[in-house]
Amino acid sequence: MKIYLDYAATTPVDAKVLEKMLPYFSQNFGNAMSVHSFGQEALEAIDEARAKAALFFRASASEIIFTSGATESNNLVVKGSLRSYYSAPRKAGEKPHIITTKFEHHCVLDACKFAEKDGLADVTFVAPNKDGLISVKDIKAAIKSNTILISVMYVNNEIGTVQPIAEIGKLLKKINVERAENKLPRISFHTDATQAINYFDCDVNELGVDLLSMSAHKIYGPKGIGLLYVRKGTLIKRVQDGGDQEFRLRAGTHNVPAIVGLGEAINMIKTPATQKKIIEITELRDYLIKRVLKEIPKSYLNGSLEKRSPNNANFRFDDVEGEGLILSLDLDGIAASTGSACSSGALDPSHVLLSLGLKHEQAHGSLRLTIGKYTTKKELDIVIDKIKEVVKRLRKISGNVLADFQ
């Protein structure tokens, strides 16, 4: 029996989503930029998917830009904002300033770090508190006269903590009014909402964001497709040349089947069945956390319990090496992770956990379990019992035998 508890890494494509996609592989296969009927059929499907996404985000269709996923979207935000800045008149030697957090996804962190290394921008990396939450006051304190972009993820992909995006949005709305009066550059506000789409309000107007990224494969859609919401008037330029697709902001032949799949997946989120499933997932998460913390000595929850995504439980265990735990579980058919799937090949401890102030040995003993709509209570019972067994065995091997399990 195989049990999958790594839904934050990726989700299986929903049967309804796949059914909607299939005709666009071999029947309605036209290039959406072609003027003939084949191309117009493809364009119509793209327009329908764009309309579904726009409705979900309470945006205009022209503000939805399809990309290959959140990684590309996030790179476009950072690099496109800088390209826009440097293409406008400015004083010699002026350099823009970007604010982000220490526990963003690597695609945001690396894009910012390379910009800093290349001398294109100054960057402030705001640290979360020990519960994995970003303070609005810290964001405000980091703002400078030359700040052009703030990027804060909505839900952390490793520990599942929910950030105060709407509060930051309200703050920036006031600040941007003052900056306009003082002839300072407007600050664009971006959030990577990849892990939030399934569970939280993503109305871009309520959040106060100018830019929002997401990937379809986190919401039971296909891999290789995502989008970037770009509020009208936001200063950003394309970084990928070669065509006029996506309102001239993202060149490249449209991945029509995947775009159709994204549209269908996002359209399913607000249905009564999905909303009911979210309640069930939250109950399963609470059950999982309660049992693990009660039944395994020296186990801890990483990140806030209250301000947390319904599907995420991230634990750490004293005197246990996370990779050994993951491999042992995998041998028993249980899929989990120690953190982000994008960095699972790295031997370094999670940068997210280190940003919370944990020591290296503590961060190495982490386990991320993420629940999905196909997870059952019976599966969780099997997983919990297996974790107890593996942790106890690994501690004996390490020479740190603790009290008997309850």
Protein backbone atom coordinates (compact mmCIF):
# COMPACT_ATOMS: atom_id res chain seq x y z
CA MET A 1 0.00 0.00 0.00
CA LYS A 2 1.38 3.39 -1.03
CA ILE A 3 0.47 6.57 0.85
CA TYR A 4 1.10 10.03 -0.59
CA LEU A 5 1.57 12.89 1.86
CA ASP A 6 3.50 15.36 -0.27
CA TYR A 7 0.70 17.42 -1.81
CA ALA A 8 2.69 20.64 -1.29
CA ALA A 9 5.23 19.28 -3.80
CA THR A 10 2.65 18.38 -6.42
CA THR A 11 -0.87 16.99 -6.82
CA PRO A 12 -2.33 14.41 -9.19
CA VAL A 13 -4.29 15.82 -12.11
CA ASP A 14 -8.01 15.65 -11.34
CA ALA A 15 -9.98 13.39 -13.72
CA LYS A 16 -12.27 16.27 -14.73
CA VAL A 17 -9.26 18.44 -15.50
CA LEU A 18 -7.66 15.74 -17.64
CA GLU A 19 -10.93 15.17 -19.50
CA LYS A 20 -11.10 18.87 -20.35
CA MET A 21 -7.49 18.87 -21.57
CA LEU A 22 -7.49 15.77 -23.79
CA PRO A 23 -9.10 17.20 -26.95
CA TYR A 24 -6.41 19.87 -27.18
CA PHE A 25 -3.59 17.38 -27.62
CA SER A 26 -4.64 15.81 -30.90
CA GLN A 27 -8.07 17.08 -31.99
CA ASN A 28 -8.10 20.83 -31.37
CA PHE A 29 -4.34 21.10 -31.74
CA GLY A 30 -4.02 24.46 -33.45
CA ASN A 31 -1.55 27.21 -32.58
CA ALA A 32 -3.50 30.00 -30.90
CA MET A 33 -1.56 32.64 -32.85
CA SER A 34 -2.74 31.22 -36.21
CA VAL A 35 -5.57 33.07 -37.94
CA HIS A 36 -7.25 29.99 -39.42
CA SER A 37 -10.03 28.01 -37.71
CA PHE A 38 -7.65 25.59 -35.96
CA GLY A 39 -5.84 28.48 -34.33
CA GLN A 40 -9.06 30.28 -33.44
CA GLU A 41 -10.39 27.18 -31.67
CA ALA A 42 -7.23 27.11 -29.56
CA LEU A 43 -7.46 30.85 -28.89
CA GLU A 44 -11.07 30.48 -27.78
CA ALA A 45 -10.04 27.80 -25.27
CA ILE A 46 -7.27 30.05 -23.92
CA ASP A 47 -9.67 32.97 -23.59
CA GLU A 48 -12.09 30.76 -21.66
CA ALA A 49 -9.35 29.65 -19.26
CA ARG A 50 -8.16 33.24 -18.85
CA ALA A 51 -11.70 34.33 -18.01
CA LYS A 52 -11.98 31.61 -15.34
CA ALA A 53 -8.70 32.70 -13.76
CA ALA A 54 -9.70 36.37 -13.91
CA LEU A 55 -12.99 35.60 -12.17
CA PHE A 56 -11.20 33.65 -9.44
CA PHE A 57 -8.75 36.48 -8.73
CA ARG A 58 -11.35 39.23 -9.30
CA ALA A 59 -9.13 40.66 -12.00
CA SER A 60 -9.50 41.66 -15.63
CA ALA A 61 -8.71 39.05 -18.26
CA SER A 62 -5.98 41.31 -19.67
CA GLU A 63 -4.21 41.16 -16.29
CA ILE A 64 -3.74 37.36 -16.45
CA ILE A 65 -0.43 36.28 -18.03
CA PHE A 66 0.10 32.56 -18.61
CA THR A 67 3.61 31.27 -17.86
CA SER A 68 5.28 27.89 -17.38
CA GLY A 69 4.68 28.09 -13.62
CA ALA A 70 5.35 30.10 -10.48
CA THR A 71 9.13 29.89 -10.88
CA GLU A 72 8.98 31.68 -14.21
CA SER A 73 6.34 34.10 -12.88
CA ASN A 74 8.51 34.98 -9.88
CA ASN A 75 11.57 35.50 -12.05
CA LEU A 76 9.51 37.74 -14.32
CA VAL A 77 8.43 39.81 -11.32
CA VAL A 78 11.94 40.46 -10.04
CA LYS A 79 13.78 40.76 -13.35
CA GLY A 80 10.91 42.44 -15.19
CA SER A 81 10.59 45.08 -12.47
CA LEU A 82 14.32 45.79 -12.67
CA ARG A 83 14.24 45.91 -16.45
CA SER A 84 11.41 48.43 -16.27
CA TYR A 85 13.36 50.54 -13.78
CA TYR A 86 16.52 50.61 -15.88
CA SER A 87 14.65 51.39 -19.11
CA ALA A 88 13.26 54.63 -17.62
CA PRO A 89 15.17 57.92 -17.19
CA ARG A 90 17.08 58.08 -13.91
CA LYS A 91 20.02 59.79 -12.29
CA ALA A 92 23.45 58.27 -12.90
CA GLY A 93 24.38 55.75 -10.23
CA GLU A 94 20.83 55.37 -8.88
CA LYS A 95 20.04 51.82 -7.84
CA PRO A 96 16.62 50.39 -6.91
CA HIS A 97 15.79 48.63 -3.65
CA ILE A 98 13.82 45.39 -3.23
CA ILE A 99 12.32 43.96 -0.05
CA THR A 100 11.61 40.24 0.34
CA THR A 101 11.81 37.68 3.14
CA LYS A 102 14.45 35.21 4.24
CA PHE A 103 12.15 32.23 3.72
CA GLU A 104 10.80 32.85 0.24
CA HIS A 105 10.93 30.13 -2.38
CA HIS A 106 14.41 29.79 -3.88
CA CYS A 107 13.30 31.26 -7.22
CA VAL A 108 12.54 34.59 -5.53
CA LEU A 109 15.58 34.47 -3.23
CA ASP A 110 18.00 33.53 -5.98
CA ALA A 111 16.64 36.11 -8.42
CA CYS A 112 17.08 38.80 -5.74
CA LYS A 113 20.52 37.57 -4.71
CA PHE A 114 21.79 37.54 -8.31
CA ALA A 115 20.40 41.05 -8.85
CA GLU A 116 22.28 42.16 -5.75
CA LYS A 117 25.47 40.36 -6.78
CA ASP A 118 25.34 41.92 -10.26
CA GLY A 119 24.94 45.37 -8.74
CA LEU A 120 21.44 45.85 -10.17
CA ALA A 121 19.64 46.30 -6.84
CA ASP A 122 19.99 46.55 -3.10
CA VAL A 123 17.93 43.90 -1.33
CA THR A 124 16.59 43.66 2.22
CA PHE A 125 15.73 40.16 3.42
CA VAL A 126 13.22 40.41 6.28
CA ALA A 127 13.33 37.58 8.83
CA PRO A 128 10.19 35.88 10.15
CA ASN A 129 9.63 35.41 13.87
CA LYS A 130 10.08 32.02 15.55
CA ASP A 131 6.53 31.04 14.55
CA GLY A 132 7.28 31.63 10.87
CA LEU A 133 5.33 34.88 10.52
CA ILE A 134 6.42 38.13 8.90
CA SER A 135 5.74 41.35 10.79
CA VAL A 136 4.06 44.21 8.91
CA LYS A 137 6.10 46.59 11.06
CA ASP A 138 9.32 44.98 9.84
CA ILE A 139 8.23 45.40 6.24
CA LYS A 140 7.39 49.06 6.86
CA ALA A 141 10.73 49.65 8.59
CA ALA A 142 12.61 48.21 5.61
CA ILE A 143 11.12 50.62 3.06
CA LYS A 144 13.52 53.18 1.58
CA SER A 145 13.10 56.09 -0.79
CA ASN A 146 14.37 53.92 -3.67
CA THR A 147 12.23 50.84 -2.91
CA ILE A 148 10.41 49.64 -6.04
CA LEU A 149 9.26 46.12 -5.14
CA ILE A 150 8.14 44.11 -2.11
CA SER A 151 7.69 40.35 -2.47
CA VAL A 152 6.19 38.27 0.36
CA MET A 153 4.83 34.76 -0.17
CA TYR A 154 1.20 34.19 0.90
CA VAL A 155 1.69 30.71 2.41
CA ASN A 156 5.15 29.34 3.09
CA ASN A 157 5.74 26.23 1.00
CA GLU A 158 7.64 24.37 3.73
CA ILE A 159 6.01 25.20 7.05
CA GLY A 160 2.61 26.36 5.77
CA THR A 161 2.44 29.61 7.74
CA VAL A 162 0.07 32.27 6.42
CA GLN A 163 1.49 35.76 6.00
CA PRO A 164 -0.41 39.05 6.52
CA ILE A 165 -0.64 39.91 2.83
CA ALA A 166 -3.82 42.00 3.06
CA GLU A 167 -2.36 44.01 5.95
CA ILE A 168 0.81 44.72 3.97
CA GLY A 169 -1.36 45.67 0.99
CA LYS A 170 -3.28 48.22 3.07
CA LEU A 171 -0.04 49.66 4.40
CA LEU A 172 1.42 50.05 0.91
CA LYS A 173 -1.72 51.69 -0.43
CA LYS A 174 -1.26 54.53 2.07
CA ILE A 175 2.49 54.69 1.59
CA ASN A 176 2.19 54.87 -2.20
CA VAL A 177 -0.16 57.85 -1.92
CA GLU A 178 2.45 59.65 0.19
CA ARG A 179 5.24 58.64 -2.19
CA ALA A 180 3.34 60.02 -5.17
CA GLU A 181 3.02 63.37 -3.37
CA ASN A 182 6.78 63.34 -2.73
CA LYS A 183 7.57 62.20 -6.30
CA LEU A 184 9.08 58.90 -5.13
CA PRO A 185 8.77 55.69 -7.18
CA ARG A 186 5.64 53.64 -6.57
CA ILE A 187 6.26 50.35 -4.77
CA SER A 188 4.86 47.28 -6.50
CA PHE A 189 3.60 44.53 -4.18
CA HIS A 190 4.00 40.88 -5.18
CA THR A 191 2.96 37.65 -3.51
CA ASP A 192 3.76 34.09 -4.48
CA ALA A 193 0.36 32.52 -3.78
CA THR A 194 1.20 29.04 -5.05
CA GLN A 195 0.40 27.27 -1.76
CA ALA A 196 -2.55 29.54 -0.96
CA ILE A 197 -4.78 29.11 -4.01
CA ASN A 198 -6.60 26.02 -2.74
CA TYR A 199 -7.39 27.35 0.72
CA PHE A 200 -7.41 31.14 1.04
CA ASP A 201 -9.06 34.21 -0.41
CA CYS A 202 -7.08 35.30 -3.45
CA ASP A 203 -9.10 38.36 -4.44
CA VAL A 204 -6.26 40.60 -5.59
CA ASN A 205 -8.17 43.73 -4.60
CA GLU A 206 -8.76 42.51 -1.05
CA LEU A 207 -5.10 41.50 -0.81
CA GLY A 208 -3.90 44.79 -2.28
CA VAL A 209 -1.32 43.11 -4.51
CA ASP A 210 -0.07 44.29 -7.88
CA LEU A 211 1.46 40.96 -8.84
CA LEU A 212 0.53 37.37 -7.91
CA SER A 213 2.11 34.07 -8.96
CA MET A 214 0.78 30.51 -8.99
CA SER A 215 1.29 27.03 -10.49
CA ALA A 216 -1.45 24.69 -11.68
CA HIS A 217 0.15 21.48 -10.45
CA LYS A 218 -0.47 22.48 -6.82
CA ILE A 219 -4.26 22.60 -7.41
CA TYR A 220 -4.81 19.25 -9.19
CA GLY A 221 -3.91 20.70 -12.56
CA PRO A 222 -1.05 19.85 -14.95
CA LYS A 223 2.64 20.61 -14.50
CA GLY A 224 4.43 23.15 -16.64
CA ILE A 225 1.76 25.84 -16.51
CA GLY A 226 1.05 28.76 -14.21
CA LEU A 227 0.21 32.41 -14.35
CA LEU A 228 1.19 35.85 -13.20
CA TYR A 229 -1.46 38.40 -12.33
CA VAL A 230 -0.22 41.87 -13.29
CA ARG A 231 -2.36 44.80 -12.17
CA LYS A 232 -2.92 47.30 -14.96
CA GLY A 233 -0.33 50.07 -14.78
CA THR A 234 2.27 48.04 -12.88
CA LEU A 235 5.80 48.80 -14.06
CA ILE A 236 7.17 45.54 -15.44
CA LYS A 237 8.78 44.56 -18.74
CA ARG A 238 9.16 41.26 -20.51
CA VAL A 239 12.37 39.29 -20.04
CA GLN A 240 11.63 36.59 -22.64
CA ASP A 241 11.63 37.71 -26.26
CA GLY A 242 10.47 36.02 -29.43
CA GLY A 243 6.76 36.71 -29.90
CA ASP A 244 3.78 38.86 -29.01
CA GLN A 245 1.93 36.32 -26.88
CA GLU A 246 0.39 37.20 -23.51
CA PHE A 247 -0.10 40.89 -24.20
CA ARG A 248 3.55 41.12 -25.28
CA LEU A 249 4.73 40.26 -21.77
CA ARG A 250 5.65 36.59 -22.22
CA ALA A 251 6.82 35.26 -25.59
CA GLY A 252 6.38 31.61 -26.54
CA THR A 253 3.86 29.27 -28.14
CA HIS A 254 0.86 28.75 -25.89
CA ASN A 255 0.66 25.42 -24.09
CA VAL A 256 -3.03 25.10 -24.90
CA PRO A 257 -3.85 21.77 -23.18
CA ALA A 258 -2.11 22.90 -19.98
CA ILE A 259 -3.79 26.32 -20.04
CA VAL A 260 -7.16 24.63 -20.43
CA GLY A 261 -6.25 22.37 -17.49
CA LEU A 262 -5.29 25.34 -15.32
CA GLY A 263 -8.60 27.02 -16.10
CA GLU A 264 -10.60 23.94 -15.18
CA ALA A 265 -8.60 23.29 -12.00
CA ILE A 266 -8.99 26.85 -10.76
CA ASN A 267 -12.68 26.77 -11.65
CA MET A 268 -13.21 23.80 -9.33
CA ILE A 269 -11.84 25.48 -6.19
CA LYS A 270 -14.90 27.51 -5.23
CA THR A 271 -17.34 24.61 -5.69
CA PRO A 272 -19.29 23.32 -2.64
CA ALA A 273 -17.56 19.95 -2.91
CA THR A 274 -14.09 21.52 -2.70
CA GLN A 275 -15.06 23.81 0.17
CA LYS A 276 -16.39 20.80 2.09
CA LYS A 277 -13.17 18.93 1.40
CA ILE A 278 -11.12 21.81 2.87
CA ILE A 279 -12.95 21.36 6.18
CA GLU A 280 -12.17 17.64 6.12
CA ILE A 281 -8.51 18.31 5.30
CA THR A 282 -8.23 20.77 8.19
CA GLU A 283 -9.67 18.20 10.60
CA LEU A 284 -7.21 15.57 9.36
CA ARG A 285 -4.31 17.98 9.78
CA ASP A 286 -5.31 18.75 13.36
CA TYR A 287 -5.66 15.04 14.10
CA LEU A 288 -2.22 14.36 12.66
CA ILE A 289 -0.53 17.16 14.62
CA LYS A 290 -2.22 16.23 17.88
CA ARG A 291 -1.24 12.56 17.70
CA VAL A 292 2.37 13.14 16.64
CA LEU A 293 3.07 15.72 19.33
CA LYS A 294 1.38 13.62 22.00
CA GLU A 295 2.79 10.22 21.13
CA ILE A 296 6.36 10.98 20.04
CA PRO A 297 8.70 12.38 22.72
CA LYS A 298 10.69 15.49 21.84
CA SER A 299 8.68 16.24 18.72
CA TYR A 300 7.81 19.80 17.75
CA LEU A 301 5.64 21.62 15.23
CA ASN A 302 7.54 24.06 13.00
CA GLY A 303 5.61 27.28 12.52
CA SER A 304 2.42 28.73 13.94
CA LEU A 305 -0.46 26.34 14.64
CA GLU A 306 -3.16 29.01 14.31
CA LYS A 307 -1.94 30.86 11.20
CA ARG A 308 -1.30 27.78 9.12
CA SER A 309 -2.48 26.26 5.87
CA PRO A 310 -5.14 23.55 6.36
CA ASN A 311 -3.03 20.89 4.64
CA ASN A 312 0.40 21.42 6.20
CA ALA A 313 2.06 19.74 9.19
CA ASN A 314 5.80 20.31 9.51
CA PHE A 315 7.51 18.54 12.42
CA ARG A 316 11.00 18.26 13.80
CA PHE A 317 12.33 15.49 16.00
CA ASP A 318 15.32 15.73 18.31
CA ASP A 319 18.14 13.26 17.61
CA VAL A 320 16.71 12.23 14.24
CA GLU A 321 18.18 12.99 10.82
CA GLY A 322 15.43 14.03 8.42
CA GLU A 323 16.81 12.33 5.32
CA GLY A 324 17.01 9.02 7.15
CA LEU A 325 13.42 9.42 8.28
CA ILE A 326 12.23 10.23 4.75
CA LEU A 327 14.09 7.29 3.19
CA SER A 328 12.80 4.88 5.83
CA LEU A 329 9.23 6.01 5.25
CA ASP A 330 9.68 5.73 1.50
CA LEU A 331 10.81 2.11 1.86
CA ASP A 332 7.44 1.50 3.52
CA GLY A 333 5.56 3.19 0.68
CA ILE A 334 5.01 6.55 2.40
CA ALA A 335 5.82 9.69 0.42
CA ALA A 336 6.77 12.75 2.49
CA SER A 337 9.53 15.37 2.40
CA THR A 338 11.91 17.35 4.57
CA GLY A 339 11.01 20.63 2.87
CA SER A 340 10.63 22.09 -0.60
CA ALA A 341 10.69 19.61 -3.47
CA CYS A 342 12.80 22.11 -5.41
CA SER A 343 15.67 21.72 -2.95
CA SER A 344 15.23 18.08 -1.93
CA GLY A 345 18.55 17.15 -3.54
CA ALA A 346 20.47 19.54 -1.34
CA LEU A 347 22.28 18.37 1.78
CA ASP A 348 22.09 21.74 3.51
CA PRO A 349 19.39 22.22 6.15
CA SER A 350 16.25 24.08 5.13
CA HIS A 351 16.79 27.83 4.77
CA VAL A 352 13.18 28.24 5.94
CA LEU A 353 13.81 26.49 9.25
CA LEU A 354 17.11 28.28 9.77
CA SER A 355 15.32 31.60 9.28
CA LEU A 356 13.14 30.72 12.29
CA GLY A 357 16.27 30.62 14.43
CA LEU A 358 16.63 26.84 14.58
CA LYS A 359 20.07 25.28 14.84
CA HIS A 360 21.42 23.20 11.97
CA GLU A 361 20.86 19.91 13.78
CA GLN A 362 17.28 20.89 14.58
CA ALA A 363 16.55 21.88 11.00
CA HIS A 364 18.00 18.59 9.76
CA GLY A 365 15.43 16.66 11.79
CA SER A 366 12.38 18.01 9.97
CA LEU A 367 9.51 16.21 8.29
CA ARG A 368 6.88 17.87 6.09
CA LEU A 369 3.58 16.04 5.73
CA THR A 370 1.06 17.69 3.43
CA ILE A 371 -2.48 16.40 3.05
CA GLY A 372 -4.67 16.41 -0.05
CA LYS A 373 -8.22 15.70 -1.06
CA TYR A 374 -7.55 11.97 -1.41
CA THR A 375 -5.99 11.53 2.05
CA THR A 376 -7.89 9.39 4.57
CA LYS A 377 -7.80 9.07 8.35
CA LYS A 378 -6.86 5.42 7.96
CA GLU A 379 -3.78 6.43 5.98
CA LEU A 380 -2.77 8.93 8.65
CA ASP A 381 -3.06 6.28 11.37
CA ILE A 382 -0.72 4.02 9.39
CA VAL A 383 1.74 6.88 8.83
CA ILE A 384 1.75 7.99 12.46
CA ASP A 385 2.46 4.47 13.69
CA LYS A 386 5.23 4.09 11.15
CA ILE A 387 6.81 7.45 12.11
CA LYS A 388 6.83 6.37 15.76
CA GLU A 389 8.57 3.16 14.82
CA VAL A 390 11.16 4.78 12.57
CA VAL A 391 11.97 7.65 14.95
CA LYS A 392 12.50 5.21 17.80
CA ARG A 393 14.79 3.05 15.67
CA LEU A 394 16.82 5.99 14.38
CA ARG A 395 17.31 7.33 17.89
CA LYS A 396 18.63 3.99 19.06
CA ILE A 397 21.06 3.94 16.17
CA SER A 398 22.25 7.45 17.07
CA GLY A 399 22.81 6.36 20.66
CA ASN A 400 20.15 8.66 22.07
CA VAL A 401 17.54 6.33 23.47
CA LEU A 402 14.65 8.37 24.89
CA ALA A 403 11.69 7.48 27.03
CA ASP A 404 9.40 4.74 25.78
CA PHE A 405 6.71 5.86 23.40
CA GLN A 406 3.20 6.20 24.77
